[in-house]
Amino acid sequence: MVKSDLIRDMKTFTGGASFISVTELTRYLGQRNNTRVKNTYLGELRPAAGKKYFIPEVAEKIVEVG
């Protein structure tokens, strides 16, 4: 999946929001462990809105990690 598809899909998943929480990302990816998702995909990113992360940055990291 390419970055633009991930961005669009995550925004749809979050109801059109530009930010996603660790819990939402964990559910979106079909995982069970918030800590693993946070360490794998969000470890180097800083939360932009409280405890939520900017979706385009998360999508870029997902594509990067594979």
Protein backbone atom coordinates (compact mmCIF):
# COMPACT_ATOMS: atom_id res chain seq x y z
CA MET A 1 0.00 0.00 0.00
CA VAL A 2 1.34 3.44 -0.85
CA LYS A 3 1.50 6.36 1.55
CA SER A 4 -1.43 8.26 0.03
CA ASP A 5 -3.67 5.19 0.29
CA LEU A 6 -2.68 4.71 3.93
CA ILE A 7 -3.40 8.35 4.73
CA ARG A 8 -6.82 8.20 3.13
CA ASP A 9 -7.65 4.88 4.76
CA MET A 10 -6.53 5.98 8.25
CA LYS A 11 -8.49 9.24 7.95
CA THR A 12 -11.58 7.24 7.03
CA PHE A 13 -10.94 4.88 9.95
CA THR A 14 -10.71 7.80 12.38
CA GLY A 15 -13.82 9.51 11.02
CA GLY A 16 -11.97 12.08 8.95
CA ALA A 17 -9.51 13.20 11.63
CA SER A 18 -5.94 14.19 10.83
CA PHE A 19 -4.58 12.57 13.98
CA ILE A 20 -4.59 9.00 15.27
CA SER A 21 -4.01 7.60 18.76
CA VAL A 22 -1.92 4.55 19.62
CA THR A 23 -5.08 2.58 20.41
CA GLU A 24 -6.71 3.54 17.10
CA LEU A 25 -3.55 2.66 15.18
CA THR A 26 -3.36 -0.69 16.96
CA ARG A 27 -6.95 -1.48 15.95
CA TYR A 28 -6.37 -0.18 12.41
CA LEU A 29 -3.38 -2.49 11.98
CA GLY A 30 -5.28 -5.45 13.47
CA GLN A 31 -2.79 -5.83 16.31
CA ARG A 32 -3.41 -6.53 19.99
CA ASN A 33 -0.38 -4.98 21.64
CA ASN A 34 -0.31 -1.16 21.93
CA THR A 35 3.28 -1.19 23.17
CA ARG A 36 4.56 -3.14 20.18
CA VAL A 37 2.76 -0.81 17.74
CA LYS A 38 4.06 2.25 19.58
CA ASN A 39 7.65 0.98 19.58
CA THR A 40 7.56 -0.19 15.96
CA TYR A 41 5.72 2.66 14.25
CA LEU A 42 5.63 5.62 16.62
CA GLY A 43 8.88 5.40 18.58
CA GLU A 44 10.65 8.18 16.68
CA LEU A 45 7.57 10.35 16.18
CA ARG A 46 6.35 13.01 18.57
CA PRO A 47 2.67 13.34 19.39
CA ALA A 48 1.26 16.40 17.66
CA ALA A 49 -2.13 16.74 19.37
CA GLY A 50 -1.95 15.60 22.97
CA LYS A 51 -1.44 11.86 22.67
CA LYS A 52 -2.30 11.63 18.99
CA TYR A 53 0.01 11.45 16.02
CA PHE A 54 -0.23 13.21 12.65
CA ILE A 55 -1.54 10.63 10.19
CA PRO A 56 0.78 11.53 7.25
CA GLU A 57 3.82 11.04 9.51
CA VAL A 58 2.47 7.70 10.76
CA ALA A 59 1.75 6.56 7.19
CA GLU A 60 5.29 7.47 6.15
CA LYS A 61 6.70 5.43 9.04
CA ILE A 62 4.49 2.43 8.20
CA VAL A 63 5.70 2.49 4.59
CA GLU A 64 9.30 2.87 5.78
CA VAL A 65 9.11 -0.06 8.25
CA GLY A 66 7.17 -2.20 5.84
